[in-house]
Every structure is written in C-alpha cells, then in structure tokens.
Amino acid sequence: MEYDIQIFSLTKKFGNITAVDNLNVQVKKNTIFGLVGPDGAGKTTTMRMMCSLLTPDSGTAEIGKHDILKESEKIKQHIGYMPQKFSLYGDLTVLENLEFYAEVYQIPKKKRKEKIDFLLGFSNLTKHSYKLADQLSGGMKQKLALSCNLIHTPKYLFLDEPTIGVDPVARREFWKILFELREQGTTIFVSTPYMDEAERCDEVGLMDKGRIIKKDTPSNIIHSFDKHIICVFSDENHIARSLAQEEEYVLDAYMLGEELHVVAEDFDYASEKLKEKLENKVRVNFIRRAAPSLEDVFVNIIKSEKR
C-alpha cells in the first residue's frame, strides 16, 4: 500500500492543554482524507504542524516521503495550504489575485496565462474575473482561495474547514472541484465539522480531544455501529427526549435536526416501551427505525468515551 501522508506519534501541547495527543495517521495516495471533529478537537493544530507552520513537541510526519521537521522547505514547494481564513486581497480583482500568487510561486510567464485561464474555468470564475475579491460571495471567495493554492499544481492539498460559512449549494460545488482534483492525482487532507462532508471522503479520522478515536471508510464506520436508532418525531421532541432519558433501556437520546434519535440495544422492545411511555404525554407523529448516519456513530462514540 502506497501512502502519501504519514503521521507518527504527533503531539503538541499549549501549557497544560494537549491539543494533539500522540496522533498516528496514514493517508493513501490519490485519496481524500477527512479529519472530522468538533471545535477544539485539534484539527487546526494538526494541519498547521503538517504544513510546517507549527513545531510538534514530539513525533513527526512525512508528506511524499519528506520529513516535516527536516525538509520543510522542500515540502512547501509541493503542498497547497488553505487555512480557515485565507488571505485574499480584497482590493484586487479575481484575476489580479491569481496573478499575484503566480508571481509568489514563480510560475514561468509563458505558462502563467494558460494556468490562470484554466483555473478560472475550473472554478467557474471566468465571468467574475473582473470583480474585486471583496465583492464575491462566500462560496466564490473560497473557490478563489482554492484556485490561488492550485496555481503551482501541488501534489498535496491541506484544507482547514474550507466550507465554514458557505451556503449548501456552494459547498456542493466546492466538493465537486475536490473530486476532480483527486481524479487528476492530488492527495487531499481536509478537516471539517460537517458530517455530510465527511461521508464524501474516502477515509475519515474521527477526532476528539487531540486523539483519533476511529479511522476507516465512512461506510465501514457506519456498518460497525451495533446499536439500534429509533427515530421519534413529535410536536414536543424536547419533552419526549427528557422522558426517553428516564428509561433504563435507552442508552442515549439526542436531537438530530428536527428528529429525536433514541439509541437502544433491542429495537422492538425499546420502540414498544417508548410508544407506551410517550403516548399520554406528547403527541407522537411517528416512531420508526432509522439507519445510523456518521453523525449518529460519532455522537455515540464520543458519549461512550465520556462514560
């Protein structure tokens, strides 16, 4: 198996807080790997160490066989890094931003126009090339930021929560670009708090408190979940949740969107008992079995760790 990115016992502390705790990860060549977790899980710290912007306290990592501690300058030639707040120049146009980054990355002038024209088309920004960066929507800004990172054709792309604050349609378009980059041979390391995005990755690492608590394909993680999810939809789901949490057969109960998800070992027993418990207290529209999502699995893994 060929791995493009390998992390070996990476650790980083800030005072008494361990931001990244003995992290070990391997990312296969030409895949999208998703680092998934809540705020404060250690995703950004991991990303910054990988891009040689932060020195680990112990451990190391390799990107394309190059050590992040010993060969940081060489690594920077082959990676694109898009932090949560990528610095576009708001008073420059889309085209001028791309020209600026082409200059920074010393793209030969003969290739520069061809490369910029390709990226404008690739990111659907050709019609907006005359606009100032500050005039763009959130989704367009992210696509421009990504294009600036692609100007030197990096082999490895590191994206730190790239779609935060971007509308759902723009998020979908952004991921379509990532899929195309993967097909062209780019290995992508992306962090996200969004479980629907995590399910689009080839592999994910579920991260909490600086540690990877589960790493596999999204489908394998979901299929490994051995509990049952009972979906309840009532007019007063918050009351229904409190009532469900009183029962011994209920392992967990939490809101997911407008639905109440109840976790139990035995679906038939739990759903029948739950129906009896709720029917005189709240108006229940339906109780049914729900296939677990990655979000269900992640919530339950974290809660079981705390228990």
C-alpha atoms as a PDB file:
ATOM      1  CA  MET A   1       0.000   0.000   0.000  1.00  0.00           C
ATOM      2  CA  GLU A   2       1.389   3.396  -1.003  1.00  0.00           C
ATOM      3  CA  TYR A   3       0.876   6.240   1.444  1.00  0.00           C
ATOM      4  CA  ASP A   4       1.352   9.898   0.506  1.00  0.00           C
ATOM      5  CA  ILE A   5       0.956  11.229   4.057  1.00  0.00           C
ATOM      6  CA  GLN A   6       2.096   9.504   7.242  1.00  0.00           C
ATOM      7  CA  ILE A   7       1.846  10.870  10.778  1.00  0.00           C
ATOM      8  CA  PHE A   8       3.933   9.302  13.541  1.00  0.00           C
ATOM      9  CA  SER A   9       3.047   9.952  17.221  1.00  0.00           C
ATOM     10  CA  LEU A  10       2.495  13.669  16.601  1.00  0.00           C
ATOM     11  CA  THR A  11       1.981  15.602  19.842  1.00  0.00           C
ATOM     12  CA  LYS A  12       1.503  19.299  20.618  1.00  0.00           C
ATOM     13  CA  LYS A  13       0.779  20.955  23.959  1.00  0.00           C
ATOM     14  CA  PHE A  14      -0.102  24.529  24.830  1.00  0.00           C
ATOM     15  CA  GLY A  15       0.638  24.895  28.528  1.00  0.00           C
ATOM     16  CA  ASN A  16      -1.410  22.255  30.342  1.00  0.00           C
ATOM     17  CA  ILE A  17      -3.631  21.604  27.322  1.00  0.00           C
ATOM     18  CA  THR A  18      -2.741  18.757  24.978  1.00  0.00           C
ATOM     19  CA  ALA A  19      -4.078  19.919  21.608  1.00  0.00           C
ATOM     20  CA  VAL A  20      -2.820  16.897  19.645  1.00  0.00           C
ATOM     21  CA  ASP A  21      -2.195  13.691  21.553  1.00  0.00           C
ATOM     22  CA  ASN A  22       0.114  11.026  20.049  1.00  0.00           C
ATOM     23  CA  LEU A  23      -1.535  11.136  16.623  1.00  0.00           C
ATOM     24  CA  ASN A  24      -0.886   8.337  14.113  1.00  0.00           C
ATOM     25  CA  VAL A  25      -2.478   8.507  10.643  1.00  0.00           C
ATOM     26  CA  GLN A  26      -1.717   7.119   7.186  1.00  0.00           C
ATOM     27  CA  VAL A  27      -3.320   8.602   4.060  1.00  0.00           C
ATOM     28  CA  LYS A  28      -3.357   6.618   0.827  1.00  0.00           C
ATOM     29  CA  LYS A  29      -2.159   8.127  -2.437  1.00  0.00           C
ATOM     30  CA  ASN A  30      -4.783  10.000  -4.531  1.00  0.00           C
ATOM     31  CA  THR A  31      -7.495   9.934  -1.881  1.00  0.00           C
ATOM     32  CA  ILE A  32      -9.463  12.457   0.150  1.00  0.00           C
ATOM     33  CA  PHE A  33      -8.861  12.019   3.880  1.00  0.00           C
ATOM     34  CA  GLY A  34     -11.204  13.831   6.245  1.00  0.00           C
ATOM     35  CA  LEU A  35     -10.230  14.888   9.751  1.00  0.00           C
ATOM     36  CA  VAL A  36     -13.605  15.194  11.461  1.00  0.00           C
ATOM     37  CA  GLY A  37     -14.432  16.587  14.857  1.00  0.00           C
ATOM     38  CA  PRO A  38     -15.912  19.420  16.914  1.00  0.00           C
ATOM     39  CA  ASP A  39     -14.256  22.763  17.620  1.00  0.00           C
ATOM     40  CA  GLY A  40     -11.244  22.267  19.861  1.00  0.00           C
ATOM     41  CA  ALA A  41     -10.642  18.677  18.737  1.00  0.00           C
ATOM     42  CA  GLY A  42      -7.147  19.539  17.446  1.00  0.00           C
ATOM     43  CA  LYS A  43      -7.814  19.658  13.704  1.00  0.00           C
ATOM     44  CA  THR A  44      -6.239  23.060  13.007  1.00  0.00           C
ATOM     45  CA  THR A  45      -3.180  22.354  15.187  1.00  0.00           C
ATOM     46  CA  THR A  46      -2.642  19.089  13.281  1.00  0.00           C
ATOM     47  CA  MET A  47      -2.962  20.887   9.952  1.00  0.00           C
ATOM     48  CA  ARG A  48      -0.501  23.624  10.949  1.00  0.00           C
ATOM     49  CA  MET A  49       2.101  21.074  12.074  1.00  0.00           C
ATOM     50  CA  MET A  50       1.701  19.142   8.821  1.00  0.00           C
ATOM     51  CA  CYS A  51       2.401  22.311   6.849  1.00  0.00           C
ATOM     52  CA  SER A  52       5.495  23.131   8.969  1.00  0.00           C
ATOM     53  CA  LEU A  53       3.879  26.245  10.451  1.00  0.00           C
ATOM     54  CA  LEU A  54       3.977  24.850  13.965  1.00  0.00           C
ATOM     55  CA  THR A  55       6.676  22.652  15.510  1.00  0.00           C
ATOM     56  CA  PRO A  56       5.442  19.500  17.270  1.00  0.00           C
ATOM     57  CA  ASP A  57       6.611  18.770  20.815  1.00  0.00           C
ATOM     58  CA  SER A  58       7.253  15.170  19.786  1.00  0.00           C
ATOM     59  CA  GLY A  59       6.670  12.857  16.860  1.00  0.00           C
ATOM     60  CA  THR A  60       6.900  13.756  13.182  1.00  0.00           C
ATOM     61  CA  ALA A  61       5.199  13.234   9.828  1.00  0.00           C
ATOM     62  CA  GLU A  62       6.093  12.597   6.211  1.00  0.00           C
ATOM     63  CA  ILE A  63       4.499  14.127   3.136  1.00  0.00           C
ATOM     64  CA  GLY A  64       5.564  12.361  -0.038  1.00  0.00           C
ATOM     65  CA  LYS A  65       8.464  10.720   1.859  1.00  0.00           C
ATOM     66  CA  HIS A  66       9.726  14.157   3.033  1.00  0.00           C
ATOM     67  CA  ASP A  67      10.015  14.726   6.791  1.00  0.00           C
ATOM     68  CA  ILE A  68       8.113  17.805   8.031  1.00  0.00           C
ATOM     69  CA  LEU A  69      10.903  18.634  10.508  1.00  0.00           C
ATOM     70  CA  LYS A  70      13.962  18.068   8.328  1.00  0.00           C
ATOM     71  CA  GLU A  71      12.656  19.006   4.866  1.00  0.00           C
ATOM     72  CA  SER A  72      10.058  21.702   5.498  1.00  0.00           C
ATOM     73  CA  GLU A  73      11.226  23.969   2.652  1.00  0.00           C
ATOM     74  CA  LYS A  74      11.065  21.120   0.143  1.00  0.00           C
ATOM     75  CA  ILE A  75       7.577  20.184   1.363  1.00  0.00           C
ATOM     76  CA  LYS A  76       6.299  23.749   0.902  1.00  0.00           C
ATOM     77  CA  GLN A  77       7.060  23.512  -2.825  1.00  0.00           C
ATOM     78  CA  HIS A  78       4.654  20.600  -3.210  1.00  0.00           C
ATOM     79  CA  ILE A  79       1.731  21.490  -0.957  1.00  0.00           C
ATOM     80  CA  GLY A  80      -1.198  23.851  -1.077  1.00  0.00           C
ATOM     81  CA  TYR A  81      -2.477  25.001   2.332  1.00  0.00           C
ATOM     82  CA  MET A  82      -5.770  26.787   2.793  1.00  0.00           C
ATOM     83  CA  PRO A  83      -6.301  27.906   6.414  1.00  0.00           C
ATOM     84  CA  GLN A  84      -9.732  28.768   7.805  1.00  0.00           C
ATOM     85  CA  LYS A  85      -9.142  32.439   6.978  1.00  0.00           C
ATOM     86  CA  PHE A  86      -7.224  32.519   3.728  1.00  0.00           C
ATOM     87  CA  SER A  87      -5.785  35.972   2.943  1.00  0.00           C
ATOM     88  CA  LEU A  88      -7.233  37.181  -0.326  1.00  0.00           C
ATOM     89  CA  TYR A  89      -6.530  40.761  -1.321  1.00  0.00           C
ATOM     90  CA  GLY A  90      -9.931  42.389  -1.255  1.00  0.00           C
ATOM     91  CA  ASP A  91      -8.871  45.444  -3.254  1.00  0.00           C
ATOM     92  CA  LEU A  92      -7.538  43.254  -6.098  1.00  0.00           C
ATOM     93  CA  THR A  93      -9.721  41.596  -8.695  1.00  0.00           C
ATOM     94  CA  VAL A  94     -10.068  37.829  -9.029  1.00  0.00           C
ATOM     95  CA  LEU A  95      -7.613  37.905 -11.936  1.00  0.00           C
ATOM     96  CA  GLU A  96      -5.143  40.133 -10.070  1.00  0.00           C
ATOM     97  CA  ASN A  97      -5.189  37.806  -7.037  1.00  0.00           C
ATOM     98  CA  LEU A  98      -4.318  34.858  -9.258  1.00  0.00           C
ATOM     99  CA  GLU A  99      -1.580  36.858 -10.998  1.00  0.00           C
ATOM    100  CA  PHE A 100      -0.147  37.826  -7.608  1.00  0.00           C
ATOM    101  CA  TYR A 101       0.023  34.203  -6.420  1.00  0.00           C
ATOM    102  CA  ALA A 102       1.518  33.149  -9.754  1.00  0.00           C
ATOM    103  CA  GLU A 103       4.284  35.672  -9.076  1.00  0.00           C
ATOM    104  CA  VAL A 104       4.750  34.439  -5.482  1.00  0.00           C
ATOM    105  CA  TYR A 105       5.085  30.831  -6.663  1.00  0.00           C
ATOM    106  CA  GLN A 106       7.355  31.945  -9.544  1.00  0.00           C
ATOM    107  CA  ILE A 107       5.213  30.408 -12.278  1.00  0.00           C
ATOM    108  CA  PRO A 108       7.053  30.962 -15.603  1.00  0.00           C
ATOM    109  CA  LYS A 109       5.464  33.854 -17.519  1.00  0.00           C
ATOM    110  CA  LYS A 110       4.999  31.680 -20.610  1.00  0.00           C
ATOM    111  CA  LYS A 111       2.767  29.276 -18.652  1.00  0.00           C
ATOM    112  CA  ARG A 112       1.097  31.842 -16.416  1.00  0.00           C
ATOM    113  CA  LYS A 113      -1.822  32.930 -18.632  1.00  0.00           C
ATOM    114  CA  GLU A 114      -2.660  29.363 -19.620  1.00  0.00           C
ATOM    115  CA  LYS A 115      -2.608  28.267 -15.977  1.00  0.00           C
ATOM    116  CA  ILE A 116      -4.763  31.176 -14.782  1.00  0.00           C
ATOM    117  CA  ASP A 117      -7.295  30.711 -17.601  1.00  0.00           C
ATOM    118  CA  PHE A 118      -7.542  27.009 -16.716  1.00  0.00           C
ATOM    119  CA  LEU A 119      -8.129  27.739 -13.002  1.00  0.00           C
ATOM    120  CA  LEU A 120     -10.752  30.403 -13.761  1.00  0.00           C
ATOM    121  CA  GLY A 121     -12.642  27.887 -15.890  1.00  0.00           C
ATOM    122  CA  PHE A 122     -12.076  25.041 -13.443  1.00  0.00           C
ATOM    123  CA  SER A 123     -13.581  27.042 -10.572  1.00  0.00           C
ATOM    124  CA  ASN A 124     -16.327  28.719 -12.662  1.00  0.00           C
ATOM    125  CA  LEU A 125     -14.873  32.180 -12.003  1.00  0.00           C
ATOM    126  CA  THR A 126     -14.141  33.259 -15.591  1.00  0.00           C
ATOM    127  CA  LYS A 127     -17.219  35.524 -15.711  1.00  0.00           C
ATOM    128  CA  HIS A 128     -16.241  37.061 -12.362  1.00  0.00           C
ATOM    129  CA  SER A 129     -12.542  37.674 -13.091  1.00  0.00           C
ATOM    130  CA  TYR A 130     -13.041  41.473 -13.192  1.00  0.00           C
ATOM    131  CA  LYS A 131     -14.690  41.656  -9.747  1.00  0.00           C
ATOM    132  CA  LEU A 132     -12.851  42.733  -6.608  1.00  0.00           C
ATOM    133  CA  ALA A 133     -12.338  39.842  -4.185  1.00  0.00           C
ATOM    134  CA  ASP A 134     -14.315  41.772  -1.540  1.00  0.00           C
ATOM    135  CA  GLN A 135     -17.342  41.792  -3.872  1.00  0.00           C
ATOM    136  CA  LEU A 136     -17.515  37.986  -4.101  1.00  0.00           C
ATOM    137  CA  SER A 137     -19.923  35.741  -2.209  1.00  0.00           C
ATOM    138  CA  GLY A 138     -18.550  33.431   0.482  1.00  0.00           C
ATOM    139  CA  GLY A 139     -18.583  30.451  -1.869  1.00  0.00           C
ATOM    140  CA  MET A 140     -16.786  32.348  -4.642  1.00  0.00           C
ATOM    141  CA  LYS A 141     -14.144  33.587  -2.197  1.00  0.00           C
ATOM    142  CA  GLN A 142     -13.426  30.002  -1.164  1.00  0.00           C
ATOM    143  CA  LYS A 143     -13.132  28.892  -4.785  1.00  0.00           C
ATOM    144  CA  LEU A 144     -10.754  31.778  -5.487  1.00  0.00           C
ATOM    145  CA  ALA A 145      -8.710  30.882  -2.394  1.00  0.00           C
ATOM    146  CA  LEU A 146      -8.519  27.282  -3.603  1.00  0.00           C
ATOM    147  CA  SER A 147      -7.502  28.417  -7.098  1.00  0.00           C
ATOM    148  CA  CYS A 148      -4.693  30.543  -5.623  1.00  0.00           C
ATOM    149  CA  ASN A 149      -3.463  27.417  -3.823  1.00  0.00           C
ATOM    150  CA  LEU A 150      -3.568  25.414  -7.052  1.00  0.00           C
ATOM    151  CA  ILE A 151      -1.520  27.883  -9.122  1.00  0.00           C
ATOM    152  CA  HIS A 152       1.684  25.836  -8.618  1.00  0.00           C
ATOM    153  CA  THR A 153      -0.064  22.448  -9.172  1.00  0.00           C
ATOM    154  CA  PRO A 154       0.556  20.991  -5.689  1.00  0.00           C
ATOM    155  CA  LYS A 155       0.610  17.217  -5.236  1.00  0.00           C
ATOM    156  CA  TYR A 156      -0.808  17.514  -1.727  1.00  0.00           C
ATOM    157  CA  LEU A 157      -3.618  19.802  -0.636  1.00  0.00           C
ATOM    158  CA  PHE A 158      -4.340  20.713   3.003  1.00  0.00           C
ATOM    159  CA  LEU A 159      -7.694  22.404   3.605  1.00  0.00           C
ATOM    160  CA  ASP A 160      -8.713  23.526   7.094  1.00  0.00           C
ATOM    161  CA  GLU A 161     -12.526  23.668   7.326  1.00  0.00           C
ATOM    162  CA  PRO A 162     -12.754  25.213   3.838  1.00  0.00           C
ATOM    163  CA  THR A 163     -16.552  25.490   3.660  1.00  0.00           C
ATOM    164  CA  ILE A 164     -17.337  27.112   7.019  1.00  0.00           C
ATOM    165  CA  GLY A 165     -19.925  29.848   6.474  1.00  0.00           C
ATOM    166  CA  VAL A 166     -20.551  28.806   2.866  1.00  0.00           C
ATOM    167  CA  ASP A 167     -24.093  28.079   1.650  1.00  0.00           C
ATOM    168  CA  PRO A 168     -25.075  24.447   0.825  1.00  0.00           C
ATOM    169  CA  VAL A 169     -25.043  24.933  -2.961  1.00  0.00           C
ATOM    170  CA  ALA A 170     -21.560  26.499  -2.902  1.00  0.00           C
ATOM    171  CA  ARG A 171     -20.379  23.722  -0.590  1.00  0.00           C
ATOM    172  CA  ARG A 172     -21.527  21.120  -3.125  1.00  0.00           C
ATOM    173  CA  GLU A 173     -19.736  22.953  -5.951  1.00  0.00           C
ATOM    174  CA  PHE A 174     -16.565  23.168  -3.853  1.00  0.00           C
ATOM    175  CA  TRP A 175     -16.605  19.412  -3.234  1.00  0.00           C
ATOM    176  CA  LYS A 176     -17.173  18.744  -6.918  1.00  0.00           C
ATOM    177  CA  ILE A 177     -13.865  20.571  -7.544  1.00  0.00           C
ATOM    178  CA  LEU A 178     -12.156  18.440  -4.876  1.00  0.00           C
ATOM    179  CA  PHE A 179     -13.377  15.240  -6.547  1.00  0.00           C
ATOM    180  CA  GLU A 180     -11.983  16.444  -9.864  1.00  0.00           C
ATOM    181  CA  LEU A 181      -8.620  17.255  -8.232  1.00  0.00           C
ATOM    182  CA  ARG A 182      -8.488  13.762  -6.758  1.00  0.00           C
ATOM    183  CA  GLU A 183      -9.114  12.301 -10.216  1.00  0.00           C
ATOM    184  CA  GLN A 184      -6.197  14.373 -11.514  1.00  0.00           C
ATOM    185  CA  GLY A 185      -3.853  12.833  -8.931  1.00  0.00           C
ATOM    186  CA  THR A 186      -3.964  15.200  -5.933  1.00  0.00           C
ATOM    187  CA  THR A 187      -3.969  13.777  -2.407  1.00  0.00           C
ATOM    188  CA  ILE A 188      -6.277  15.873  -0.223  1.00  0.00           C
ATOM    189  CA  PHE A 189      -6.216  16.228   3.581  1.00  0.00           C
ATOM    190  CA  VAL A 190      -9.306  18.164   4.688  1.00  0.00           C
ATOM    191  CA  SER A 191     -10.740  18.997   8.095  1.00  0.00           C
ATOM    192  CA  THR A 192     -14.455  19.558   8.573  1.00  0.00           C
ATOM    193  CA  PRO A 193     -17.062  19.715  11.352  1.00  0.00           C
ATOM    194  CA  TYR A 194     -19.776  18.723   8.827  1.00  0.00           C
ATOM    195  CA  MET A 195     -20.716  15.036   8.851  1.00  0.00           C
ATOM    196  CA  ASP A 196     -22.321  15.170   5.397  1.00  0.00           C
ATOM    197  CA  GLU A 197     -18.947  16.311   4.026  1.00  0.00           C
ATOM    198  CA  ALA A 198     -17.135  13.629   5.995  1.00  0.00           C
ATOM    199  CA  GLU A 199     -19.245  10.983   4.257  1.00  0.00           C
ATOM    200  CA  ARG A 200     -17.843  12.179   0.904  1.00  0.00           C
ATOM    201  CA  CYS A 201     -14.259  11.379   1.944  1.00  0.00           C
ATOM    202  CA  ASP A 202     -12.517   8.125   1.022  1.00  0.00           C
ATOM    203  CA  GLU A 203     -11.415   7.730   4.627  1.00  0.00           C
ATOM    204  CA  VAL A 204     -12.101   9.687   7.800  1.00  0.00           C
ATOM    205  CA  GLY A 205     -10.483  10.046  11.178  1.00  0.00           C
ATOM    206  CA  LEU A 206     -12.979  10.914  13.911  1.00  0.00           C
ATOM    207  CA  MET A 207     -11.065  13.236  16.227  1.00  0.00           C
ATOM    208  CA  ASP A 208     -11.832  14.342  19.776  1.00  0.00           C
ATOM    209  CA  LYS A 209      -9.576  15.926  22.417  1.00  0.00           C
ATOM    210  CA  GLY A 210      -6.497  15.596  20.217  1.00  0.00           C
ATOM    211  CA  ARG A 211      -6.902  11.883  19.510  1.00  0.00           C
ATOM    212  CA  ILE A 212      -8.226   9.837  16.598  1.00  0.00           C
ATOM    213  CA  ILE A 213     -10.939   7.689  18.155  1.00  0.00           C
ATOM    214  CA  LYS A 214     -11.904   5.897  14.932  1.00  0.00           C
ATOM    215  CA  LYS A 215     -10.353   5.733  11.458  1.00  0.00           C
ATOM    216  CA  ASP A 216     -11.875   3.913   8.480  1.00  0.00           C
ATOM    217  CA  THR A 217     -14.050   4.470   5.432  1.00  0.00           C
ATOM    218  CA  PRO A 218     -17.334   6.239   6.295  1.00  0.00           C
ATOM    219  CA  SER A 219     -19.370   3.168   5.269  1.00  0.00           C
ATOM    220  CA  ASN A 220     -17.270   0.817   7.443  1.00  0.00           C
ATOM    221  CA  ILE A 221     -17.625   3.131  10.451  1.00  0.00           C
ATOM    222  CA  ILE A 222     -21.396   3.269   9.987  1.00  0.00           C
ATOM    223  CA  HIS A 223     -21.729  -0.503   9.482  1.00  0.00           C
ATOM    224  CA  SER A 224     -19.669  -1.199  12.603  1.00  0.00           C
ATOM    225  CA  PHE A 225     -22.297   0.513  14.775  1.00  0.00           C
ATOM    226  CA  ASP A 226     -24.021  -2.336  16.652  1.00  0.00           C
ATOM    227  CA  LYS A 227     -26.877  -0.437  18.342  1.00  0.00           C
ATOM    228  CA  HIS A 228     -30.338   0.482  17.035  1.00  0.00           C
ATOM    229  CA  ILE A 229     -31.572   4.001  16.301  1.00  0.00           C
ATOM    230  CA  ILE A 230     -35.223   4.755  16.987  1.00  0.00           C
ATOM    231  CA  CYS A 231     -36.384   7.926  15.274  1.00  0.00           C
ATOM    232  CA  VAL A 232     -39.157   9.827  17.052  1.00  0.00           C
ATOM    233  CA  PHE A 233     -40.970  12.805  15.569  1.00  0.00           C
ATOM    234  CA  SER A 234     -43.421  14.548  17.855  1.00  0.00           C
ATOM    235  CA  ASP A 235     -44.824  18.017  18.403  1.00  0.00           C
ATOM    236  CA  GLU A 236     -42.716  18.320  21.567  1.00  0.00           C
ATOM    237  CA  ASN A 237     -39.477  16.484  20.906  1.00  0.00           C
ATOM    238  CA  HIS A 238     -37.573  18.146  23.747  1.00  0.00           C
ATOM    239  CA  ILE A 239     -40.114  16.827  26.271  1.00  0.00           C
ATOM    240  CA  ALA A 240     -40.003  13.437  24.525  1.00  0.00           C
ATOM    241  CA  ARG A 241     -36.213  13.398  24.890  1.00  0.00           C
ATOM    242  CA  SER A 242     -36.409  14.052  28.649  1.00  0.00           C
ATOM    243  CA  LEU A 243     -38.975  11.263  29.029  1.00  0.00           C
ATOM    244  CA  ALA A 244     -36.888   8.835  26.968  1.00  0.00           C
ATOM    245  CA  GLN A 245     -33.767   9.562  29.020  1.00  0.00           C
ATOM    246  CA  GLU A 246     -35.573   8.323  32.150  1.00  0.00           C
ATOM    247  CA  GLU A 247     -35.828   4.767  30.781  1.00  0.00           C
ATOM    248  CA  GLU A 248     -33.218   2.088  31.561  1.00  0.00           C
ATOM    249  CA  TYR A 249     -33.430   0.516  28.086  1.00  0.00           C
ATOM    250  CA  VAL A 250     -32.474   3.858  26.472  1.00  0.00           C
ATOM    251  CA  LEU A 251     -28.707   4.148  26.030  1.00  0.00           C
ATOM    252  CA  ASP A 252     -28.895   7.701  24.697  1.00  0.00           C
ATOM    253  CA  ALA A 253     -31.385  10.248  23.350  1.00  0.00           C
ATOM    254  CA  TYR A 254     -30.469  13.393  21.439  1.00  0.00           C
ATOM    255  CA  MET A 255     -31.831  15.811  18.847  1.00  0.00           C
ATOM    256  CA  LEU A 256     -30.638  15.482  15.255  1.00  0.00           C
ATOM    257  CA  GLY A 257     -32.227  18.237  13.205  1.00  0.00           C
ATOM    258  CA  GLU A 258     -35.973  18.105  13.920  1.00  0.00           C
ATOM    259  CA  GLU A 259     -35.873  14.425  14.885  1.00  0.00           C
ATOM    260  CA  LEU A 260     -35.286  12.770  18.240  1.00  0.00           C
ATOM    261  CA  HIS A 261     -32.874   9.834  17.971  1.00  0.00           C
ATOM    262  CA  VAL A 262     -33.065   7.212  20.701  1.00  0.00           C
ATOM    263  CA  VAL A 263     -30.320   4.571  20.945  1.00  0.00           C
ATOM    264  CA  ALA A 264     -31.190   1.099  22.257  1.00  0.00           C
ATOM    265  CA  GLU A 265     -29.923  -2.494  22.211  1.00  0.00           C
ATOM    266  CA  ASP A 266     -33.293  -4.035  21.273  1.00  0.00           C
ATOM    267  CA  PHE A 267     -35.337  -2.143  18.676  1.00  0.00           C
ATOM    268  CA  ASP A 268     -38.679  -3.972  19.054  1.00  0.00           C
ATOM    269  CA  TYR A 269     -38.713  -3.868  22.862  1.00  0.00           C
ATOM    270  CA  ALA A 270     -37.500  -0.272  23.090  1.00  0.00           C
ATOM    271  CA  SER A 271     -39.826   1.144  20.430  1.00  0.00           C
ATOM    272  CA  GLU A 272     -42.874  -0.532  22.008  1.00  0.00           C
ATOM    273  CA  LYS A 273     -41.995   0.674  25.514  1.00  0.00           C
ATOM    274  CA  LEU A 274     -41.189   4.139  24.213  1.00  0.00           C
ATOM    275  CA  LYS A 275     -44.546   4.368  22.458  1.00  0.00           C
ATOM    276  CA  GLU A 276     -46.327   3.451  25.703  1.00  0.00           C
ATOM    277  CA  LYS A 277     -44.297   5.996  27.659  1.00  0.00           C
ATOM    278  CA  LEU A 278     -44.864   8.890  25.259  1.00  0.00           C
ATOM    279  CA  GLU A 279     -48.429   8.443  24.021  1.00  0.00           C
ATOM    280  CA  ASN A 280     -50.123  10.008  27.073  1.00  0.00           C
ATOM    281  CA  LYS A 281     -47.561  12.796  27.465  1.00  0.00           C
ATOM    282  CA  VAL A 282     -46.859  14.190  23.974  1.00  0.00           C
ATOM    283  CA  ARG A 283     -48.434  13.899  20.535  1.00  0.00           C
ATOM    284  CA  VAL A 284     -46.258  11.458  18.571  1.00  0.00           C
ATOM    285  CA  ASN A 285     -46.401  11.724  14.771  1.00  0.00           C
ATOM    286  CA  PHE A 286     -44.323   8.604  14.184  1.00  0.00           C
ATOM    287  CA  ILE A 287     -41.797   6.216  15.688  1.00  0.00           C
ATOM    288  CA  ARG A 288     -39.636   4.279  13.215  1.00  0.00           C
ATOM    289  CA  ARG A 289     -36.301   2.608  12.742  1.00  0.00           C
ATOM    290  CA  ALA A 290     -33.555   4.880  11.388  1.00  0.00           C
ATOM    291  CA  ALA A 291     -30.392   3.805   9.614  1.00  0.00           C
ATOM    292  CA  PRO A 292     -27.442   5.216  11.575  1.00  0.00           C
ATOM    293  CA  SER A 293     -25.602   8.123   9.967  1.00  0.00           C
ATOM    294  CA  LEU A 294     -21.956   9.003  10.518  1.00  0.00           C
ATOM    295  CA  GLU A 295     -23.199  11.740  12.856  1.00  0.00           C
ATOM    296  CA  ASP A 296     -25.097   9.174  14.967  1.00  0.00           C
ATOM    297  CA  VAL A 297     -21.994   6.997  15.231  1.00  0.00           C
ATOM    298  CA  PHE A 298     -19.719   9.939  16.094  1.00  0.00           C
ATOM    299  CA  VAL A 299     -22.080  11.266  18.776  1.00  0.00           C
ATOM    300  CA  ASN A 300     -22.333   7.796  20.361  1.00  0.00           C
ATOM    301  CA  ILE A 301     -18.584   7.119  20.256  1.00  0.00           C
ATOM    302  CA  ILE A 302     -17.820  10.435  21.981  1.00  0.00           C
ATOM    303  CA  LYS A 303     -20.539   9.896  24.616  1.00  0.00           C
ATOM    304  CA  SER A 304     -19.377   6.331  25.314  1.00  0.00           C
ATOM    305  CA  GLU A 305     -15.790   7.642  25.720  1.00  0.00           C
ATOM    306  CA  LYS A 306     -17.029  10.138  28.300  1.00  0.00           C
ATOM    307  CA  ARG A 307     -18.970   7.428  30.120  1.00  0.00           C
END
